[in-house]
Protein backbone atom coordinates (compact mmCIF):
# COMPACT_ATOMS: atom_id res chain seq x y z
CA UNK A 1 -22.95 16.78 32.43
CA UNK A 2 -24.19 16.80 29.25
CA UNK A 3 -21.84 19.82 28.61
CA UNK A 4 -19.13 17.81 29.95
CA UNK A 5 -19.93 14.64 27.66
CA UNK A 6 -20.47 16.47 24.46
CA UNK A 7 -17.04 17.85 25.13
CA UNK A 8 -15.99 14.09 25.45
CA UNK A 9 -17.39 13.01 22.43
CA UNK A 10 -15.63 15.60 20.39
CA UNK A 11 -12.62 15.37 21.70
CA UNK A 12 -12.53 11.81 20.78
CA UNK A 13 -14.05 12.11 17.14
CA UNK A 14 -10.91 14.77 16.70
CA UNK A 15 -8.20 12.16 17.78
CA UNK A 16 -10.09 9.87 15.56
CA UNK A 17 -9.90 12.33 12.66
CA UNK A 18 -6.43 13.09 13.10
CA UNK A 19 -5.21 9.60 13.52
CA UNK A 20 -7.33 8.42 10.42
CA UNK A 21 -5.19 11.71 8.32
CA UNK A 22 -1.85 10.42 9.81
CA UNK A 23 -2.79 7.10 8.31
CA UNK A 24 -3.52 8.22 5.41
CA UNK A 25 -0.35 10.29 5.03
CA UNK A 26 1.75 7.79 5.97
CA UNK A 27 -0.23 5.79 2.86
CA UNK A 28 1.11 8.46 0.86
CA UNK A 29 4.90 7.32 1.40
CA UNK A 30 3.95 3.94 -0.43
CA UNK A 31 3.06 6.29 -3.73
CA UNK A 32 6.15 7.83 -3.49
CA UNK A 33 8.76 5.34 -4.70
CA UNK A 34 6.38 4.43 -8.03
CA UNK A 35 5.77 8.03 -8.92
CA UNK A 36 9.35 8.88 -8.56
CA UNK A 37 9.89 6.18 -11.47
CA UNK A 38 6.97 6.92 -13.03
CA UNK A 39 8.10 11.07 -13.24
CA UNK A 40 12.01 10.28 -14.14
CA UNK A 41 11.25 7.41 -16.41
CA UNK A 42 7.93 8.43 -18.33
CA UNK A 43 6.76 11.71 -17.74
CA UNK A 44 9.95 13.97 -18.43
CA UNK A 45 11.59 11.62 -21.27
CA UNK A 46 8.44 11.74 -23.11
CA UNK A 47 7.48 15.49 -22.09
CA UNK A 48 10.91 16.02 -23.66
CA UNK A 49 10.10 14.19 -26.99
CA UNK A 50 6.41 16.13 -27.57
CA UNK A 51 9.02 19.44 -26.67
CA UNK A 52 10.58 18.31 -29.66
CA UNK A 53 7.92 18.09 -32.02
CA UNK A 54 7.46 22.06 -31.81
CA UNK A 55 11.10 22.52 -33.11
CA UNK A 56 12.26 22.85 -36.15
CA UNK A 57 13.15 19.62 -38.12
CA UNK A 58 17.29 19.41 -38.18
CA UNK A 59 19.15 15.62 -39.22
CA UNK A 60 20.63 14.54 -36.07
CA UNK A 61 19.82 17.11 -33.55
CA UNK A 62 18.26 16.64 -30.52
CA UNK A 63 18.47 19.99 -27.51
CA UNK A 64 15.33 21.73 -27.13
CA UNK A 65 14.89 25.15 -28.01
CA UNK A 66 12.95 27.77 -27.57
CA UNK A 67 11.75 28.32 -31.04
CA UNK A 68 8.52 27.04 -31.85
CA UNK A 69 7.13 25.81 -35.30
CA UNK A 70 4.51 24.07 -36.72
CA UNK A 71 6.24 23.03 -39.98
CA UNK A 72 6.63 19.31 -38.86
CA UNK A 73 2.81 19.19 -38.15
CA UNK A 74 1.88 20.85 -41.34
CA UNK A 75 4.19 18.63 -43.21
CA UNK A 76 2.05 15.35 -42.03
CA UNK A 77 -1.41 16.50 -42.84
CA UNK A 78 -0.33 17.89 -46.45
CA UNK A 79 1.77 14.84 -47.20
CA UNK A 80 -0.85 12.09 -48.65
CA UNK A 81 1.99 9.51 -47.32
CA UNK A 82 1.51 10.17 -43.20
CA UNK A 83 -2.32 11.24 -43.04
CA UNK A 84 -3.15 8.16 -44.85
CA UNK A 85 -0.66 6.39 -42.32
CA UNK A 86 -2.94 7.90 -39.40
CA UNK A 87 -6.31 6.35 -41.12
CA UNK A 88 -4.36 3.50 -41.77
CA UNK A 89 -3.37 2.62 -38.20
CA UNK A 90 -6.80 3.27 -36.90
CA UNK A 91 -9.17 0.79 -38.83
CA UNK A 92 -6.10 -1.63 -39.03
CA UNK A 93 -6.74 -1.30 -34.76
CA UNK A 94 -10.27 -1.42 -35.07
CA UNK A 95 -10.26 -4.33 -37.38
CA UNK A 96 -8.03 -6.45 -34.81
CA UNK A 97 -10.39 -5.27 -31.84
CA UNK A 98 -13.38 -6.50 -33.58
CA UNK A 99 -11.40 -9.52 -34.77
CA UNK A 100 -10.36 -10.40 -31.54
CA UNK A 101 -13.76 -9.67 -29.59
CA UNK A 102 -15.25 -12.53 -32.01
CA UNK A 103 -12.69 -14.94 -31.32
CA UNK A 104 -11.66 -13.73 -27.67
CA UNK A 105 -15.16 -13.91 -26.44
CA UNK A 106 -16.03 -17.36 -26.99
CA UNK A 107 -13.02 -18.61 -25.48
CA UNK A 108 -13.37 -16.22 -22.31
CA UNK A 109 -17.03 -17.25 -22.00
CA UNK A 110 -16.22 -20.85 -21.67
CA UNK A 111 -13.42 -20.63 -19.36
CA UNK A 112 -15.42 -18.21 -16.90
CA UNK A 113 -18.33 -20.96 -17.47
CA UNK A 114 -16.10 -23.97 -16.72
CA UNK A 115 -17.13 -25.63 -13.43
CA UNK A 116 -14.35 -28.04 -12.91
CA UNK A 117 -11.02 -26.24 -11.50
CA UNK A 118 -8.91 -28.48 -13.58
CA UNK A 119 -10.26 -27.83 -16.61
CA UNK A 120 -10.77 -24.14 -16.30
CA UNK A 121 -6.89 -24.15 -15.05
CA UNK A 122 -6.26 -25.88 -18.22
CA UNK A 123 -7.24 -23.42 -19.91
CA UNK A 124 -6.07 -21.05 -18.72
CA UNK A 125 -2.72 -22.10 -18.64
CA UNK A 126 -3.22 -22.31 -22.48
CA UNK A 127 -4.17 -19.04 -22.94
CA UNK A 128 -1.14 -17.37 -20.60
CA UNK A 129 1.32 -20.05 -22.44
CA UNK A 130 0.85 -18.00 -25.66
CA UNK A 131 2.15 -14.69 -23.52
CA UNK A 132 5.45 -16.48 -22.20
CA UNK A 133 7.22 -16.52 -25.88
CA UNK A 134 8.86 -13.42 -27.34
CA UNK A 135 6.69 -11.48 -29.72
CA UNK A 136 9.50 -11.47 -32.02
CA UNK A 137 9.64 -15.46 -31.89
CA UNK A 138 5.87 -15.80 -32.12
CA UNK A 139 6.04 -13.52 -35.52
CA UNK A 140 8.73 -15.48 -36.51
CA UNK A 141 6.80 -19.17 -36.70
CA UNK A 142 3.18 -16.65 -38.10
CA UNK A 143 6.08 -16.06 -40.89
CA UNK A 144 6.81 -20.38 -41.00
CA UNK A 145 3.30 -21.10 -41.40
CA UNK A 146 2.11 -17.76 -43.45
CA UNK A 147 4.92 -17.64 -46.59
CA UNK A 148 4.98 -17.51 -49.66
CA UNK A 149 6.40 -21.17 -49.20
CA UNK A 150 5.02 -21.60 -45.48
CA UNK A 151 3.27 -24.95 -44.51
CA UNK A 152 -0.22 -23.37 -45.66
CA UNK A 153 0.70 -22.35 -49.25
CA UNK A 154 3.14 -25.86 -49.18
CA UNK A 155 -0.36 -27.66 -48.45
CA UNK A 156 -2.33 -25.91 -50.37
CA UNK A 157 -0.46 -26.47 -53.45
CA UNK A 158 0.58 -30.26 -52.65
CA UNK A 159 -3.42 -31.35 -53.05
CA UNK A 160 -3.79 -28.83 -56.10
CA UNK A 161 -6.61 -26.56 -54.64
CA UNK A 162 -4.16 -23.72 -55.99
CA UNK A 163 -1.69 -22.62 -58.61
CA UNK A 164 0.16 -19.71 -56.92
CA UNK A 165 1.25 -19.05 -53.51
CA UNK A 166 -1.76 -17.20 -51.28
CA UNK A 167 -0.71 -13.58 -50.27
CA UNK A 168 -0.84 -14.21 -46.50
CA UNK A 169 2.24 -11.80 -45.91
CA UNK A 170 4.19 -8.80 -46.38
CA UNK A 171 0.15 -6.98 -46.75
CA UNK A 172 -2.41 -5.73 -44.43
CA UNK A 173 -3.75 -9.09 -44.17
CA UNK A 174 -0.67 -10.67 -42.59
CA UNK A 175 -0.31 -7.68 -40.23
CA UNK A 176 -4.08 -8.10 -39.09
CA UNK A 177 -3.32 -11.95 -38.17
CA UNK A 178 0.01 -11.00 -36.35
CA UNK A 179 -2.21 -7.93 -34.16
CA UNK A 180 -4.60 -10.56 -33.06
CA UNK A 181 -2.75 -13.42 -32.29
CA UNK A 182 -0.31 -10.91 -30.08
CA UNK A 183 -3.61 -9.79 -28.65
CA UNK A 184 -6.03 -11.93 -28.41
CA UNK A 185 -4.78 -13.25 -24.82
CA UNK A 186 -5.21 -9.77 -23.45
CA UNK A 187 -8.89 -9.29 -24.71
CA UNK A 188 -9.51 -12.87 -23.33
CA UNK A 189 -8.72 -11.93 -19.93
CA UNK A 190 -10.18 -8.90 -20.11
CA UNK A 191 -13.54 -10.38 -20.47
CA UNK A 192 -13.04 -13.80 -17.90
CA UNK A 193 -13.41 -11.86 -14.79
CA UNK A 194 -16.78 -9.91 -16.12
CA UNK A 195 -18.26 -12.70 -17.33
CA UNK A 196 -17.36 -14.91 -13.87
CA UNK A 197 -19.34 -11.84 -11.92
CA UNK A 198 -22.57 -12.15 -14.03
CA UNK A 199 -24.68 -14.50 -11.66
CA UNK A 200 -26.29 -17.67 -13.37
CA UNK A 201 -29.13 -17.18 -11.54
CA UNK A 202 -30.07 -14.45 -13.98
CA UNK A 203 -29.81 -16.56 -16.90
CA UNK A 204 -31.70 -19.10 -15.17
CA UNK A 205 -34.05 -16.71 -14.26
CA UNK A 206 -34.64 -15.85 -18.05
CA UNK A 207 -34.96 -19.52 -19.23
CA UNK A 208 -37.80 -19.78 -16.35
CA UNK A 209 -39.39 -17.48 -17.98
CA UNK A 210 -39.29 -19.09 -22.04
CA UNK A 211 -36.45 -17.14 -23.15
CA UNK A 212 -34.12 -19.48 -25.24
CA UNK A 213 -30.14 -19.76 -24.49
CA UNK A 214 -29.49 -17.67 -27.17
CA UNK A 215 -32.02 -14.82 -26.26
CA UNK A 216 -30.42 -15.18 -22.52
CA UNK A 217 -27.64 -14.48 -23.17
CA UNK A 218 -27.97 -11.85 -26.12
CA UNK A 219 -30.60 -10.17 -23.67
CA UNK A 220 -28.77 -10.64 -20.19
CA UNK A 221 -25.37 -11.72 -20.30
CA UNK A 222 -23.97 -9.63 -22.87
CA UNK A 223 -24.79 -6.21 -22.27
CA UNK A 224 -23.85 -7.43 -18.34
CA UNK A 225 -20.46 -8.06 -20.30
CA UNK A 226 -20.20 -4.83 -21.71
CA UNK A 227 -17.74 -3.14 -19.59
CA UNK A 228 -15.52 -6.20 -20.06
CA UNK A 229 -15.91 -5.81 -23.93
CA UNK A 230 -14.74 -2.24 -23.68
CA UNK A 231 -12.03 -2.29 -21.71
CA UNK A 232 -10.92 -5.52 -23.57
CA UNK A 233 -11.40 -3.97 -26.96
CA UNK A 234 -9.64 -0.46 -25.95
CA UNK A 235 -6.56 -2.04 -24.34
CA UNK A 236 -5.79 -4.04 -28.40
CA UNK A 237 -6.31 -1.03 -29.88
CA UNK A 238 -3.98 0.51 -27.57
CA UNK A 239 -1.65 -2.20 -28.45
CA UNK A 240 -2.39 -2.16 -31.57
CA UNK A 241 -1.92 1.31 -32.74
CA UNK A 242 1.26 1.64 -31.15
CA UNK A 243 2.97 -1.90 -32.88
CA UNK A 244 5.95 -1.42 -34.56
CA UNK A 245 7.52 -5.11 -34.70
CA UNK A 246 4.50 -6.82 -36.21
CA UNK A 247 4.13 -4.32 -39.11
CA UNK A 248 7.57 -4.47 -39.66
CA UNK A 249 7.73 -8.23 -39.71
CA UNK A 250 4.47 -9.65 -41.03
CA UNK A 251 4.19 -6.66 -42.96
CA UNK A 252 7.36 -5.89 -44.25
CA UNK A 253 7.87 -2.64 -44.61
CA UNK A 254 5.07 -2.34 -46.72
CA UNK A 255 2.43 -1.61 -44.62
CA UNK A 256 3.17 1.74 -43.13
CA UNK A 257 1.76 2.85 -40.22
CA UNK A 258 2.87 5.24 -37.83
CA UNK A 259 5.51 3.62 -35.39
CA UNK A 260 7.12 2.35 -38.81
CA UNK A 261 7.33 6.36 -39.92
CA UNK A 262 8.74 7.00 -36.07
CA UNK A 263 11.38 4.93 -36.25
CA UNK A 264 12.22 5.72 -40.27
CA UNK A 265 12.53 9.54 -39.07
CA UNK A 266 14.45 8.87 -35.95
CA UNK A 267 16.50 5.95 -36.36
CA UNK A 268 17.21 6.05 -40.01
CA UNK A 269 17.25 9.75 -41.14
CA UNK A 270 17.72 11.03 -37.62
CA UNK A 271 15.24 13.63 -37.66
CA UNK A 272 14.03 13.80 -34.28
CA UNK A 273 11.75 16.49 -34.22
CA UNK A 274 9.32 15.13 -37.30
CA UNK A 275 9.67 11.81 -35.67
CA UNK A 276 8.87 13.61 -32.38
CA UNK A 277 5.57 15.24 -34.33
CA UNK A 278 4.60 11.73 -35.52
CA UNK A 279 4.82 10.60 -32.05
CA UNK A 280 2.33 13.11 -31.03
CA UNK A 281 0.39 12.65 -33.47
CA UNK A 282 -0.02 8.60 -32.31
CA UNK A 283 -0.67 9.57 -28.89
CA UNK A 284 -3.42 12.37 -29.89
CA UNK A 285 -5.16 9.58 -31.76
CA UNK A 286 -4.77 6.65 -28.95
CA UNK A 287 -6.29 9.49 -26.20
CA UNK A 288 -9.20 10.48 -28.84
CA UNK A 289 -10.03 6.68 -28.86
CA UNK A 290 -9.78 6.27 -25.00
CA UNK A 291 -12.35 9.30 -25.24
CA UNK A 292 -14.53 7.79 -27.84
CA UNK A 293 -14.68 4.09 -25.59
CA UNK A 294 -15.22 6.77 -22.13
CA UNK A 295 -18.17 8.29 -23.73
CA UNK A 296 -19.85 4.48 -24.75
CA UNK A 297 -18.79 3.02 -21.32
CA UNK A 298 -21.13 5.88 -19.66
CA UNK A 299 -23.58 5.22 -22.10
CA UNK A 300 -23.69 1.64 -21.92
CA UNK A 301 -23.58 1.84 -17.42
CA UNK A 302 -26.23 4.54 -17.42
CA UNK A 303 -23.91 7.16 -16.43
CA UNK A 304 -21.49 5.40 -14.44
CA UNK A 305 -17.86 4.66 -15.26
């Protein structure tokens, strides 16, 4: 009797296991269309471009060949204009990430802690509305504001605060301002959900034990929101280091970063191989930043990612 019951239970478990496996297999079919799009329109073109990086640089030639050379990478790291652009791209993106966190965290905190739904919705609409306009239009708006004859310089000249226009554009400062303006909503959206997930009772417990509001924020809220901070700064860094439109418009082709070099080599000179090599360097730099942030996330989360 006991053996028969055991066999019945075993058969039932096998049926459940096979049914679950069949359901999992069916769910994987939902992934196939997205995987094919990702493969055809991203993986294959990107792999082809990266393959070009190891071919000899010839103007106007795009076809891949079997001759492998590292001359393009040697040229990048032996000419000051290129490796300086690498460093410039990194530190500009790091400054933009820090500035985005400085300006975005207070706004995200206010939105997350707003109790009234209407007020919170209004603030969210204001954040999202800045993302509805095209990037080029937003940059032209900044150019009207920061130009030599723009609103800021015009006002300061009229009141006599300055005698010559301030250099607010066509330099690193203009590029940083433009990138912060573009990436700030991404930072805010990355932080809101994390801050909302922090239960208010934790702050109340710290306040009941004698901690000030600022001390409770520094010791409770800020450490618990670290995953959102890391995610937001990583997203802002990635968007900044790969941006072409902002350095071109706000930098006036004077702030040479890696995307500017890629455009010049491919679109203007026609040297796809050398432009692809610069793209590989940009990709590796971004991956290195992701690795650094991953290690920081592991340390701040106690070994959990």
